[in-house]
C-alpha atoms as a PDB file:
ATOM      1  CA  UNK A   1    -108.225 -24.467 -55.149  1.00  0.00           C
ATOM      2  CA  UNK A   2    -107.041 -28.053 -55.004  1.00  0.00           C
ATOM      3  CA  UNK A   3    -108.735 -29.991 -52.217  1.00  0.00           C
ATOM      4  CA  UNK A   4    -105.307 -31.079 -50.975  1.00  0.00           C
ATOM      5  CA  UNK A   5    -103.941 -27.579 -50.431  1.00  0.00           C
ATOM      6  CA  UNK A   6    -104.063 -25.562 -47.223  1.00  0.00           C
ATOM      7  CA  UNK A   7    -103.146 -21.903 -47.477  1.00  0.00           C
ATOM      8  CA  UNK A   8    -100.313 -20.809 -49.700  1.00  0.00           C
ATOM      9  CA  UNK A   9     -97.585 -23.388 -49.099  1.00  0.00           C
ATOM     10  CA  UNK A  10     -98.984 -26.543 -47.490  1.00  0.00           C
ATOM     11  CA  UNK A  11    -100.339 -29.846 -48.783  1.00  0.00           C
ATOM     12  CA  UNK A  12    -102.660 -31.923 -46.595  1.00  0.00           C
ATOM     13  CA  UNK A  13    -102.334 -35.623 -47.385  1.00  0.00           C
ATOM     14  CA  UNK A  14    -105.781 -37.068 -46.801  1.00  0.00           C
ATOM     15  CA  UNK A  15    -106.347 -39.956 -49.228  1.00  0.00           C
ATOM     16  CA  UNK A  16    -103.600 -42.338 -48.166  1.00  0.00           C
ATOM     17  CA  UNK A  17    -100.919 -40.599 -46.105  1.00  0.00           C
ATOM     18  CA  UNK A  18     -97.640 -42.448 -46.706  1.00  0.00           C
ATOM     19  CA  UNK A  19     -96.245 -44.549 -43.896  1.00  0.00           C
ATOM     20  CA  UNK A  20     -92.562 -44.641 -42.968  1.00  0.00           C
ATOM     21  CA  UNK A  21     -92.208 -48.419 -42.893  1.00  0.00           C
ATOM     22  CA  UNK A  22     -88.424 -48.672 -42.726  1.00  0.00           C
ATOM     23  CA  UNK A  23     -85.416 -46.530 -41.849  1.00  0.00           C
ATOM     24  CA  UNK A  24     -81.641 -46.840 -41.701  1.00  0.00           C
ATOM     25  CA  UNK A  25     -78.633 -44.718 -40.792  1.00  0.00           C
ATOM     26  CA  UNK A  26     -74.878 -45.059 -41.158  1.00  0.00           C
ATOM     27  CA  UNK A  27     -72.497 -42.537 -39.604  1.00  0.00           C
ATOM     28  CA  UNK A  28     -68.807 -41.797 -39.280  1.00  0.00           C
ATOM     29  CA  UNK A  29     -66.489 -42.461 -36.362  1.00  0.00           C
ATOM     30  CA  UNK A  30     -66.846 -38.982 -34.865  1.00  0.00           C
ATOM     31  CA  UNK A  31     -70.643 -39.159 -35.021  1.00  0.00           C
ATOM     32  CA  UNK A  32     -70.430 -42.573 -33.389  1.00  0.00           C
ATOM     33  CA  UNK A  33     -68.647 -40.982 -30.443  1.00  0.00           C
ATOM     34  CA  UNK A  34     -71.535 -38.573 -29.880  1.00  0.00           C
ATOM     35  CA  UNK A  35     -74.639 -38.813 -27.670  1.00  0.00           C
ATOM     36  CA  UNK A  36     -76.845 -40.522 -30.301  1.00  0.00           C
ATOM     37  CA  UNK A  37     -74.490 -43.427 -31.068  1.00  0.00           C
ATOM     38  CA  UNK A  38     -76.905 -46.131 -29.863  1.00  0.00           C
ATOM     39  CA  UNK A  39     -79.538 -45.049 -32.386  1.00  0.00           C
ATOM     40  CA  UNK A  40     -77.477 -45.548 -35.559  1.00  0.00           C
ATOM     41  CA  UNK A  41     -77.424 -48.820 -37.477  1.00  0.00           C
ATOM     42  CA  UNK A  42     -73.740 -48.733 -38.356  1.00  0.00           C
ATOM     43  CA  UNK A  43     -70.702 -46.680 -37.357  1.00  0.00           C
ATOM     44  CA  UNK A  44     -67.823 -46.774 -39.824  1.00  0.00           C
ATOM     45  CA  UNK A  45     -64.289 -47.161 -38.542  1.00  0.00           C
ATOM     46  CA  UNK A  46     -62.634 -44.281 -40.403  1.00  0.00           C
ATOM     47  CA  UNK A  47     -63.371 -41.556 -42.950  1.00  0.00           C
ATOM     48  CA  UNK A  48     -62.211 -43.623 -45.940  1.00  0.00           C
ATOM     49  CA  UNK A  49     -64.004 -46.848 -44.924  1.00  0.00           C
ATOM     50  CA  UNK A  50     -61.689 -48.920 -47.110  1.00  0.00           C
ATOM     51  CA  UNK A  51     -62.239 -46.753 -50.217  1.00  0.00           C
ATOM     52  CA  UNK A  52     -59.699 -44.760 -52.237  1.00  0.00           C
ATOM     53  CA  UNK A  53     -61.291 -41.366 -51.603  1.00  0.00           C
ATOM     54  CA  UNK A  54     -63.702 -39.624 -49.245  1.00  0.00           C
ATOM     55  CA  UNK A  55     -66.153 -39.220 -52.102  1.00  0.00           C
ATOM     56  CA  UNK A  56     -66.195 -42.963 -52.758  1.00  0.00           C
ATOM     57  CA  UNK A  57     -66.665 -43.599 -49.035  1.00  0.00           C
ATOM     58  CA  UNK A  58     -69.685 -41.300 -49.049  1.00  0.00           C
ATOM     59  CA  UNK A  59     -71.092 -43.151 -52.056  1.00  0.00           C
ATOM     60  CA  UNK A  60     -70.687 -46.465 -50.242  1.00  0.00           C
ATOM     61  CA  UNK A  61     -72.554 -45.082 -47.230  1.00  0.00           C
ATOM     62  CA  UNK A  62     -75.417 -43.957 -49.469  1.00  0.00           C
ATOM     63  CA  UNK A  63     -75.675 -47.333 -51.205  1.00  0.00           C
ATOM     64  CA  UNK A  64     -75.452 -49.385 -48.017  1.00  0.00           C
ATOM     65  CA  UNK A  65     -77.991 -47.171 -46.253  1.00  0.00           C
ATOM     66  CA  UNK A  66     -80.414 -47.656 -49.151  1.00  0.00           C
ATOM     67  CA  UNK A  67     -79.844 -51.403 -49.176  1.00  0.00           C
ATOM     68  CA  UNK A  68     -80.241 -51.680 -45.405  1.00  0.00           C
ATOM     69  CA  UNK A  69     -83.494 -49.690 -45.494  1.00  0.00           C
ATOM     70  CA  UNK A  70     -84.834 -52.140 -48.089  1.00  0.00           C
ATOM     71  CA  UNK A  71     -83.653 -55.229 -46.180  1.00  0.00           C
ATOM     72  CA  UNK A  72     -85.440 -54.082 -43.055  1.00  0.00           C
ATOM     73  CA  UNK A  73     -88.656 -53.856 -45.085  1.00  0.00           C
ATOM     74  CA  UNK A  74     -87.968 -57.229 -46.731  1.00  0.00           C
ATOM     75  CA  UNK A  75     -87.989 -55.549 -50.136  1.00  0.00           C
ATOM     76  CA  UNK A  76     -85.755 -55.551 -53.203  1.00  0.00           C
ATOM     77  CA  UNK A  77     -84.895 -52.639 -55.527  1.00  0.00           C
ATOM     78  CA  UNK A  78     -87.459 -53.970 -58.021  1.00  0.00           C
ATOM     79  CA  UNK A  79     -90.198 -53.341 -55.416  1.00  0.00           C
ATOM     80  CA  UNK A  80     -89.430 -49.609 -55.304  1.00  0.00           C
ATOM     81  CA  UNK A  81     -91.104 -47.191 -57.699  1.00  0.00           C
ATOM     82  CA  UNK A  82     -88.705 -44.301 -57.173  1.00  0.00           C
ATOM     83  CA  UNK A  83     -85.484 -43.373 -55.411  1.00  0.00           C
ATOM     84  CA  UNK A  84     -85.340 -39.718 -54.380  1.00  0.00           C
ATOM     85  CA  UNK A  85     -81.828 -38.790 -53.292  1.00  0.00           C
ATOM     86  CA  UNK A  86     -79.476 -35.895 -52.750  1.00  0.00           C
ATOM     87  CA  UNK A  87     -76.112 -34.845 -51.396  1.00  0.00           C
ATOM     88  CA  UNK A  88     -73.771 -31.832 -51.329  1.00  0.00           C
ATOM     89  CA  UNK A  89     -71.270 -32.625 -54.053  1.00  0.00           C
ATOM     90  CA  UNK A  90     -71.170 -31.106 -57.545  1.00  0.00           C
ATOM     91  CA  UNK A  91     -74.083 -32.346 -59.697  1.00  0.00           C
ATOM     92  CA  UNK A  92     -75.183 -34.555 -56.735  1.00  0.00           C
ATOM     93  CA  UNK A  93     -72.698 -37.199 -57.851  1.00  0.00           C
ATOM     94  CA  UNK A  94     -73.049 -39.297 -54.698  1.00  0.00           C
ATOM     95  CA  UNK A  95     -76.763 -39.874 -55.218  1.00  0.00           C
ATOM     96  CA  UNK A  96     -76.378 -40.261 -58.991  1.00  0.00           C
ATOM     97  CA  UNK A  97     -73.619 -42.864 -58.850  1.00  0.00           C
ATOM     98  CA  UNK A  98     -75.449 -44.694 -56.064  1.00  0.00           C
ATOM     99  CA  UNK A  99     -78.601 -44.772 -58.192  1.00  0.00           C
ATOM    100  CA  UNK A 100     -76.542 -46.301 -60.979  1.00  0.00           C
ATOM    101  CA  UNK A 101     -75.703 -49.189 -58.659  1.00  0.00           C
ATOM    102  CA  UNK A 102     -79.171 -49.588 -57.157  1.00  0.00           C
ATOM    103  CA  UNK A 103     -81.067 -49.679 -60.450  1.00  0.00           C
ATOM    104  CA  UNK A 104     -84.170 -47.884 -59.136  1.00  0.00           C
ATOM    105  CA  UNK A 105     -85.962 -45.151 -61.165  1.00  0.00           C
ATOM    106  CA  UNK A 106     -84.300 -42.026 -59.835  1.00  0.00           C
ATOM    107  CA  UNK A 107     -84.912 -38.360 -59.160  1.00  0.00           C
ATOM    108  CA  UNK A 108     -81.792 -36.535 -58.027  1.00  0.00           C
ATOM    109  CA  UNK A 109     -82.651 -33.552 -55.855  1.00  0.00           C
ATOM    110  CA  UNK A 110     -80.540 -30.704 -54.552  1.00  0.00           C
ATOM    111  CA  UNK A 111     -81.697 -28.691 -51.589  1.00  0.00           C
ATOM    112  CA  UNK A 112     -78.310 -28.511 -49.865  1.00  0.00           C
ATOM    113  CA  UNK A 113     -78.839 -29.592 -46.255  1.00  0.00           C
ATOM    114  CA  UNK A 114     -82.628 -29.383 -46.652  1.00  0.00           C
ATOM    115  CA  UNK A 115     -82.503 -32.364 -49.020  1.00  0.00           C
ATOM    116  CA  UNK A 116     -83.923 -34.942 -46.583  1.00  0.00           C
ATOM    117  CA  UNK A 117     -87.280 -33.267 -46.116  1.00  0.00           C
ATOM    118  CA  UNK A 118     -87.197 -32.140 -49.740  1.00  0.00           C
ATOM    119  CA  UNK A 119     -87.114 -35.765 -50.881  1.00  0.00           C
ATOM    120  CA  UNK A 120     -89.891 -36.699 -48.457  1.00  0.00           C
ATOM    121  CA  UNK A 121     -91.945 -33.651 -49.465  1.00  0.00           C
ATOM    122  CA  UNK A 122     -92.030 -34.817 -53.078  1.00  0.00           C
ATOM    123  CA  UNK A 123     -92.364 -38.542 -52.399  1.00  0.00           C
ATOM    124  CA  UNK A 124     -95.288 -38.228 -49.996  1.00  0.00           C
ATOM    125  CA  UNK A 125     -97.818 -36.620 -52.399  1.00  0.00           C
ATOM    126  CA  UNK A 126     -96.941 -39.183 -55.076  1.00  0.00           C
ATOM    127  CA  UNK A 127     -98.006 -41.959 -52.730  1.00  0.00           C
ATOM    128  CA  UNK A 128    -101.033 -40.127 -51.356  1.00  0.00           C
ATOM    129  CA  UNK A 129    -102.195 -39.402 -54.904  1.00  0.00           C
ATOM    130  CA  UNK A 130    -101.858 -43.018 -56.007  1.00  0.00           C
ATOM    131  CA  UNK A 131     -98.907 -42.477 -58.339  1.00  0.00           C
ATOM    132  CA  UNK A 132     -96.512 -44.695 -56.383  1.00  0.00           C
ATOM    133  CA  UNK A 133     -96.626 -47.398 -53.732  1.00  0.00           C
ATOM    134  CA  UNK A 134     -93.040 -47.371 -52.442  1.00  0.00           C
ATOM    135  CA  UNK A 135     -90.534 -44.507 -52.584  1.00  0.00           C
ATOM    136  CA  UNK A 136     -87.058 -44.629 -51.051  1.00  0.00           C
ATOM    137  CA  UNK A 137     -85.598 -41.331 -49.767  1.00  0.00           C
ATOM    138  CA  UNK A 138     -81.865 -41.153 -48.982  1.00  0.00           C
ATOM    139  CA  UNK A 139     -79.422 -38.292 -48.453  1.00  0.00           C
ATOM    140  CA  UNK A 140     -75.766 -38.201 -47.451  1.00  0.00           C
ATOM    141  CA  UNK A 141     -72.804 -35.967 -46.673  1.00  0.00           C
ATOM    142  CA  UNK A 142     -69.173 -36.374 -45.614  1.00  0.00           C
ATOM    143  CA  UNK A 143     -67.098 -33.924 -43.618  1.00  0.00           C
ATOM    144  CA  UNK A 144     -63.964 -34.366 -45.707  1.00  0.00           C
ATOM    145  CA  UNK A 145     -65.617 -34.240 -49.141  1.00  0.00           C
ATOM    146  CA  UNK A 146     -67.716 -31.194 -48.193  1.00  0.00           C
ATOM    147  CA  UNK A 147     -64.738 -29.302 -46.772  1.00  0.00           C
ATOM    148  CA  UNK A 148     -62.738 -29.997 -49.922  1.00  0.00           C
ATOM    149  CA  UNK A 149     -65.548 -28.616 -52.088  1.00  0.00           C
ATOM    150  CA  UNK A 150     -66.913 -25.688 -50.128  1.00  0.00           C
ATOM    151  CA  UNK A 151     -64.066 -24.375 -48.012  1.00  0.00           C
ATOM    152  CA  UNK A 152     -60.399 -25.377 -47.798  1.00  0.00           C
ATOM    153  CA  UNK A 153     -58.339 -28.534 -48.294  1.00  0.00           C
ATOM    154  CA  UNK A 154     -58.067 -30.252 -44.918  1.00  0.00           C
ATOM    155  CA  UNK A 155     -54.294 -30.386 -45.331  1.00  0.00           C
ATOM    156  CA  UNK A 156     -54.145 -26.598 -44.900  1.00  0.00           C
ATOM    157  CA  UNK A 157     -55.314 -26.858 -41.294  1.00  0.00           C
ATOM    158  CA  UNK A 158     -57.309 -23.619 -41.526  1.00  0.00           C
ATOM    159  CA  UNK A 159     -58.555 -22.342 -38.172  1.00  0.00           C
ATOM    160  CA  UNK A 160     -62.348 -22.416 -37.876  1.00  0.00           C
ATOM    161  CA  UNK A 161     -64.263 -19.573 -36.185  1.00  0.00           C
ATOM    162  CA  UNK A 162     -66.723 -20.236 -33.315  1.00  0.00           C
ATOM    163  CA  UNK A 163     -69.741 -19.951 -35.664  1.00  0.00           C
ATOM    164  CA  UNK A 164     -68.453 -22.697 -37.996  1.00  0.00           C
ATOM    165  CA  UNK A 165     -70.213 -26.068 -38.141  1.00  0.00           C
ATOM    166  CA  UNK A 166     -69.006 -29.628 -38.668  1.00  0.00           C
ATOM    167  CA  UNK A 167     -70.459 -31.472 -41.659  1.00  0.00           C
ATOM    168  CA  UNK A 168     -71.889 -34.825 -40.581  1.00  0.00           C
ATOM    169  CA  UNK A 169     -70.328 -37.902 -42.161  1.00  0.00           C
ATOM    170  CA  UNK A 170     -73.209 -40.254 -42.761  1.00  0.00           C
ATOM    171  CA  UNK A 171     -76.286 -41.255 -44.728  1.00  0.00           C
ATOM    172  CA  UNK A 172     -79.896 -41.625 -43.677  1.00  0.00           C
ATOM    173  CA  UNK A 173     -82.782 -43.255 -45.474  1.00  0.00           C
ATOM    174  CA  UNK A 174     -86.523 -43.812 -45.041  1.00  0.00           C
ATOM    175  CA  UNK A 175     -88.893 -45.933 -47.078  1.00  0.00           C
ATOM    176  CA  UNK A 176     -92.329 -44.398 -47.648  1.00  0.00           C
ATOM    177  CA  UNK A 177     -95.138 -46.760 -48.555  1.00  0.00           C
ATOM    178  CA  UNK A 178     -98.861 -46.789 -49.276  1.00  0.00           C
ATOM    179  CA  UNK A 179     -99.189 -49.936 -47.183  1.00  0.00           C
ATOM    180  CA  UNK A 180     -97.789 -51.263 -43.935  1.00  0.00           C
ATOM    181  CA  UNK A 181     -97.287 -49.839 -40.464  1.00  0.00           C
ATOM    182  CA  UNK A 182     -95.404 -46.797 -39.307  1.00  0.00           C
ATOM    183  CA  UNK A 183     -95.775 -43.086 -38.626  1.00  0.00           C
ATOM    184  CA  UNK A 184     -97.453 -41.125 -41.426  1.00  0.00           C
ATOM    185  CA  UNK A 185     -96.525 -37.949 -43.255  1.00  0.00           C
ATOM    186  CA  UNK A 186     -99.703 -35.857 -43.021  1.00  0.00           C
ATOM    187  CA  UNK A 187     -98.611 -32.373 -44.129  1.00  0.00           C
ATOM    188  CA  UNK A 188     -95.937 -30.956 -46.410  1.00  0.00           C
ATOM    189  CA  UNK A 189     -95.026 -27.256 -46.306  1.00  0.00           C
ATOM    190  CA  UNK A 190     -92.727 -26.147 -49.107  1.00  0.00           C
ATOM    191  CA  UNK A 191     -90.250 -23.426 -48.261  1.00  0.00           C
ATOM    192  CA  UNK A 192     -89.386 -20.234 -50.080  1.00  0.00           C
ATOM    193  CA  UNK A 193     -85.850 -19.076 -50.747  1.00  0.00           C
ATOM    194  CA  UNK A 194     -85.075 -16.461 -48.071  1.00  0.00           C
ATOM    195  CA  UNK A 195     -81.940 -14.307 -48.059  1.00  0.00           C
ATOM    196  CA  UNK A 196     -81.045 -11.872 -45.272  1.00  0.00           C
ATOM    197  CA  UNK A 197     -77.723 -10.951 -46.880  1.00  0.00           C
ATOM    198  CA  UNK A 198     -75.375 -13.205 -44.885  1.00  0.00           C
ATOM    199  CA  UNK A 199     -72.131 -13.812 -46.806  1.00  0.00           C
ATOM    200  CA  UNK A 200     -70.009 -15.667 -44.257  1.00  0.00           C
ATOM    201  CA  UNK A 201     -69.774 -19.357 -45.249  1.00  0.00           C
ATOM    202  CA  UNK A 202     -68.620 -20.087 -41.713  1.00  0.00           C
ATOM    203  CA  UNK A 203     -71.877 -18.757 -40.272  1.00  0.00           C
ATOM    204  CA  UNK A 204     -74.451 -20.999 -41.922  1.00  0.00           C
ATOM    205  CA  UNK A 205     -76.851 -20.924 -38.990  1.00  0.00           C
ATOM    206  CA  UNK A 206     -77.512 -17.226 -39.535  1.00  0.00           C
ATOM    207  CA  UNK A 207     -78.029 -17.756 -43.274  1.00  0.00           C
ATOM    208  CA  UNK A 208     -80.568 -20.572 -42.785  1.00  0.00           C
ATOM    209  CA  UNK A 209     -82.466 -19.406 -39.687  1.00  0.00           C
ATOM    210  CA  UNK A 210     -84.701 -16.885 -41.519  1.00  0.00           C
ATOM    211  CA  UNK A 211     -85.823 -19.626 -43.940  1.00  0.00           C
ATOM    212  CA  UNK A 212     -86.534 -22.028 -41.070  1.00  0.00           C
ATOM    213  CA  UNK A 213     -88.625 -19.429 -39.267  1.00  0.00           C
ATOM    214  CA  UNK A 214     -90.458 -18.485 -42.460  1.00  0.00           C
ATOM    215  CA  UNK A 215     -91.503 -22.044 -43.367  1.00  0.00           C
ATOM    216  CA  UNK A 216     -92.472 -22.999 -39.816  1.00  0.00           C
ATOM    217  CA  UNK A 217     -94.566 -19.832 -39.569  1.00  0.00           C
ATOM    218  CA  UNK A 218     -96.185 -20.614 -42.946  1.00  0.00           C
ATOM    219  CA  UNK A 219     -97.022 -24.117 -41.710  1.00  0.00           C
ATOM    220  CA  UNK A 220     -98.752 -22.739 -38.620  1.00  0.00           C
ATOM    221  CA  UNK A 221    -100.671 -20.130 -40.623  1.00  0.00           C
ATOM    222  CA  UNK A 222    -101.728 -22.576 -43.352  1.00  0.00           C
ATOM    223  CA  UNK A 223    -102.849 -25.382 -41.024  1.00  0.00           C
ATOM    224  CA  UNK A 224    -104.165 -23.440 -38.059  1.00  0.00           C
ATOM    225  CA  UNK A 225    -101.833 -25.430 -35.846  1.00  0.00           C
ATOM    226  CA  UNK A 226     -99.383 -24.025 -33.354  1.00  0.00           C
ATOM    227  CA  UNK A 227     -96.322 -25.128 -31.377  1.00  0.00           C
ATOM    228  CA  UNK A 228     -98.413 -26.985 -28.785  1.00  0.00           C
ATOM    229  CA  UNK A 229     -99.789 -29.303 -31.481  1.00  0.00           C
ATOM    230  CA  UNK A 230     -96.363 -30.971 -31.766  1.00  0.00           C
ATOM    231  CA  UNK A 231     -94.323 -32.955 -29.285  1.00  0.00           C
ATOM    232  CA  UNK A 232     -91.175 -31.764 -31.028  1.00  0.00           C
ATOM    233  CA  UNK A 233     -90.330 -29.101 -33.600  1.00  0.00           C
ATOM    234  CA  UNK A 234     -87.046 -30.059 -35.233  1.00  0.00           C
ATOM    235  CA  UNK A 235     -84.745 -28.164 -37.578  1.00  0.00           C
ATOM    236  CA  UNK A 236     -82.009 -29.748 -39.637  1.00  0.00           C
ATOM    237  CA  UNK A 237     -78.706 -28.054 -38.996  1.00  0.00           C
ATOM    238  CA  UNK A 238     -78.985 -24.523 -37.671  1.00  0.00           C
ATOM    239  CA  UNK A 239     -76.664 -25.387 -34.767  1.00  0.00           C
ATOM    240  CA  UNK A 240     -76.695 -23.319 -31.610  1.00  0.00           C
ATOM    241  CA  UNK A 241     -76.550 -19.821 -33.110  1.00  0.00           C
ATOM    242  CA  UNK A 242     -79.105 -20.477 -35.837  1.00  0.00           C
ATOM    243  CA  UNK A 243     -81.414 -22.190 -33.347  1.00  0.00           C
ATOM    244  CA  UNK A 244     -81.426 -19.095 -31.128  1.00  0.00           C
ATOM    245  CA  UNK A 245     -82.087 -16.815 -34.120  1.00  0.00           C
ATOM    246  CA  UNK A 246     -85.024 -18.987 -35.217  1.00  0.00           C
ATOM    247  CA  UNK A 247     -86.556 -18.830 -31.742  1.00  0.00           C
ATOM    248  CA  UNK A 248     -86.253 -15.039 -31.752  1.00  0.00           C
ATOM    249  CA  UNK A 249     -87.673 -14.626 -35.265  1.00  0.00           C
ATOM    250  CA  UNK A 250     -90.705 -16.793 -34.517  1.00  0.00           C
ATOM    251  CA  UNK A 251     -91.352 -15.010 -31.225  1.00  0.00           C
ATOM    252  CA  UNK A 252     -91.668 -11.797 -33.235  1.00  0.00           C
ATOM    253  CA  UNK A 253     -94.389 -13.530 -35.254  1.00  0.00           C
ATOM    254  CA  UNK A 254     -96.193 -14.615 -32.084  1.00  0.00           C
ATOM    255  CA  UNK A 255     -94.990 -18.241 -31.929  1.00  0.00           C
ATOM    256  CA  UNK A 256     -93.003 -19.427 -28.925  1.00  0.00           C
ATOM    257  CA  UNK A 257     -91.459 -22.796 -29.821  1.00  0.00           C
ATOM    258  CA  UNK A 258     -88.522 -22.782 -27.415  1.00  0.00           C
ATOM    259  CA  UNK A 259     -89.769 -25.429 -24.958  1.00  0.00           C
ATOM    260  CA  UNK A 260     -90.200 -28.096 -27.684  1.00  0.00           C
ATOM    261  CA  UNK A 261     -87.631 -27.040 -30.285  1.00  0.00           C
ATOM    262  CA  UNK A 262     -84.484 -29.033 -30.993  1.00  0.00           C
ATOM    263  CA  UNK A 263     -81.970 -28.770 -33.814  1.00  0.00           C
ATOM    264  CA  UNK A 264     -80.260 -31.860 -35.218  1.00  0.00           C
ATOM    265  CA  UNK A 265     -77.014 -29.917 -35.437  1.00  0.00           C
ATOM    266  CA  UNK A 266     -77.099 -29.425 -31.661  1.00  0.00           C
ATOM    267  CA  UNK A 267     -78.034 -33.022 -30.863  1.00  0.00           C
ATOM    268  CA  UNK A 268     -75.537 -35.201 -32.717  1.00  0.00           C
ATOM    269  CA  UNK A 269     -72.255 -34.145 -31.066  1.00  0.00           C
ATOM    270  CA  UNK A 270     -71.070 -33.412 -27.541  1.00  0.00           C
ATOM    271  CA  UNK A 271     -69.685 -29.924 -26.957  1.00  0.00           C
ATOM    272  CA  UNK A 272     -66.420 -31.583 -25.942  1.00  0.00           C
ATOM    273  CA  UNK A 273     -66.013 -32.923 -29.508  1.00  0.00           C
ATOM    274  CA  UNK A 274     -64.840 -29.490 -30.701  1.00  0.00           C
ATOM    275  CA  UNK A 275     -67.381 -28.956 -33.467  1.00  0.00           C
ATOM    276  CA  UNK A 276     -67.792 -25.288 -32.554  1.00  0.00           C
ATOM    277  CA  UNK A 277     -71.421 -24.206 -33.267  1.00  0.00           C
ATOM    278  CA  UNK A 278     -72.619 -27.755 -34.005  1.00  0.00           C
ATOM    279  CA  UNK A 279     -73.275 -30.050 -36.941  1.00  0.00           C
ATOM    280  CA  UNK A 280     -74.414 -29.491 -40.522  1.00  0.00           C
ATOM    281  CA  UNK A 281     -74.765 -31.387 -43.798  1.00  0.00           C
ATOM    282  CA  UNK A 282     -77.406 -33.352 -45.710  1.00  0.00           C
ATOM    283  CA  UNK A 283     -76.822 -36.290 -43.395  1.00  0.00           C
ATOM    284  CA  UNK A 284     -77.387 -34.230 -40.257  1.00  0.00           C
ATOM    285  CA  UNK A 285     -81.187 -34.260 -40.295  1.00  0.00           C
ATOM    286  CA  UNK A 286     -81.239 -37.546 -42.228  1.00  0.00           C
ATOM    287  CA  UNK A 287     -79.440 -39.641 -39.599  1.00  0.00           C
ATOM    288  CA  UNK A 288     -81.063 -37.914 -36.619  1.00  0.00           C
ATOM    289  CA  UNK A 289     -84.497 -38.540 -38.135  1.00  0.00           C
ATOM    290  CA  UNK A 290     -83.835 -42.084 -39.362  1.00  0.00           C
ATOM    291  CA  UNK A 291     -81.903 -43.061 -36.248  1.00  0.00           C
ATOM    292  CA  UNK A 292     -83.033 -41.105 -33.214  1.00  0.00           C
ATOM    293  CA  UNK A 293     -86.411 -39.447 -33.840  1.00  0.00           C
ATOM    294  CA  UNK A 294     -88.202 -42.333 -35.533  1.00  0.00           C
ATOM    295  CA  UNK A 295     -86.970 -44.685 -32.792  1.00  0.00           C
ATOM    296  CA  UNK A 296     -88.530 -42.341 -30.240  1.00  0.00           C
ATOM    297  CA  UNK A 297     -91.802 -42.531 -32.171  1.00  0.00           C
ATOM    298  CA  UNK A 298     -91.631 -46.321 -32.337  1.00  0.00           C
ATOM    299  CA  UNK A 299     -91.037 -46.459 -28.585  1.00  0.00           C
ATOM    300  CA  UNK A 300     -94.095 -44.260 -27.951  1.00  0.00           C
ATOM    301  CA  UNK A 301     -92.124 -41.395 -26.429  1.00  0.00           C
ATOM    302  CA  UNK A 302     -93.279 -38.890 -29.053  1.00  0.00           C
ATOM    303  CA  UNK A 303     -96.277 -38.978 -31.369  1.00  0.00           C
ATOM    304  CA  UNK A 304     -96.118 -35.905 -33.589  1.00  0.00           C
ATOM    305  CA  UNK A 305     -93.049 -34.177 -35.057  1.00  0.00           C
ATOM    306  CA  UNK A 306     -92.728 -31.092 -37.220  1.00  0.00           C
ATOM    307  CA  UNK A 307     -89.508 -31.736 -39.158  1.00  0.00           C
ATOM    308  CA  UNK A 308     -87.826 -28.859 -40.986  1.00  0.00           C
ATOM    309  CA  UNK A 309     -84.557 -29.654 -42.750  1.00  0.00           C
ATOM    310  CA  UNK A 310     -82.633 -26.469 -43.555  1.00  0.00           C
ATOM    311  CA  UNK A 311     -80.299 -25.659 -46.428  1.00  0.00           C
ATOM    312  CA  UNK A 312     -77.831 -22.970 -47.518  1.00  0.00           C
ATOM    313  CA  UNK A 313     -78.129 -22.661 -51.292  1.00  0.00           C
ATOM    314  CA  UNK A 314     -74.742 -21.167 -52.123  1.00  0.00           C
ATOM    315  CA  UNK A 315     -71.948 -22.591 -54.238  1.00  0.00           C
ATOM    316  CA  UNK A 316     -68.214 -22.088 -54.396  1.00  0.00           C
ATOM    317  CA  UNK A 317     -68.752 -19.861 -57.450  1.00  0.00           C
ATOM    318  CA  UNK A 318     -71.350 -17.580 -55.877  1.00  0.00           C
ATOM    319  CA  UNK A 319     -69.316 -17.261 -52.682  1.00  0.00           C
ATOM    320  CA  UNK A 320     -66.170 -16.332 -54.599  1.00  0.00           C
ATOM    321  CA  UNK A 321     -68.159 -13.712 -56.526  1.00  0.00           C
ATOM    322  CA  UNK A 322     -69.323 -12.104 -53.294  1.00  0.00           C
ATOM    323  CA  UNK A 323     -72.962 -13.164 -53.395  1.00  0.00           C
ATOM    324  CA  UNK A 324     -74.947 -13.668 -50.202  1.00  0.00           C
ATOM    325  CA  UNK A 325     -76.181 -17.084 -49.080  1.00  0.00           C
ATOM    326  CA  UNK A 326     -79.845 -17.896 -49.815  1.00  0.00           C
ATOM    327  CA  UNK A 327     -81.520 -20.243 -47.352  1.00  0.00           C
ATOM    328  CA  UNK A 328     -84.430 -22.661 -47.582  1.00  0.00           C
ATOM    329  CA  UNK A 329     -86.350 -25.015 -45.307  1.00  0.00           C
ATOM    330  CA  UNK A 330     -88.916 -27.675 -46.166  1.00  0.00           C
ATOM    331  CA  UNK A 331     -91.307 -29.007 -43.526  1.00  0.00           C
ATOM    332  CA  UNK A 332     -93.025 -32.364 -43.109  1.00  0.00           C
ATOM    333  CA  UNK A 333     -95.414 -33.249 -40.289  1.00  0.00           C
ATOM    334  CA  UNK A 334     -94.899 -36.839 -39.106  1.00  0.00           C
ATOM    335  CA  UNK A 335     -97.604 -38.387 -36.930  1.00  0.00           C
ATOM    336  CA  UNK A 336     -98.442 -41.719 -35.358  1.00  0.00           C
ATOM    337  CA  UNK A 337    -101.935 -42.838 -36.316  1.00  0.00           C
ATOM    338  CA  UNK A 338    -104.175 -45.142 -34.297  1.00  0.00           C
END
């Protein structure tokens, strides 16, 4: 077995664990009215942000988040070995068109709302193995563009059920490097596609919760760690119903995470903002990580995070054909060293 593997699904980065040396986040107006507003770098004034379409506004957020992440590190695109990026739109067009503008060697990745930790999961071993020095990871989503693609035109004013979630408008980015200062990625646990037969596209928390529980459990089994080894265990966008399901599923496996478990979809909005179950989207975990969680690590309030972005791997075609919604979750352990 490879000396860098632990158990069936986890990599242990031992040679040169990559450091998160820079981070940036841009969010929409609604997100800027939520409880985490002070942690974001920029709050845009409206959903179009001066562009001709929501999709172009999302692309601008992606590009500016990438550029801001680089400026904070005093780097240029030519200093970056790879850009790993993803989004929710057909053929990941936001990330692809942004990569065209940035001019960085590019891998476009689709993991639905798990894309943030998916990008980090692939970038981190490249750096630890000596195949790259600097990798930029960025993901984005936009409420209006996602609704247009996956559900109904906003103009229809379709009533949303209590289990529905609100796609975060925003983009988050982190720069991983072989050198410099910052919290390290020490473990990567790759998720399996898990499907409990949920078909309701307005109940994403239930579709993704089994995958979140499965990957978190695999991480504990592979590493020998448990909930008490982390200051926080964080999922990407299960929202309040999916969070409760994940707690229950892990308790059945003997892991009680409730006292240190938060979900980004529960953190980014106030209940009074009428988002029903909570937030979702590629940007949900991206902006909470890049804005809120990494600031908490910098301030010394938390030292070790288990971050599990979660994704629903359906499409408009599969949903219309009556297929269920497969879920996935990818985990990275982020730790302060020294």
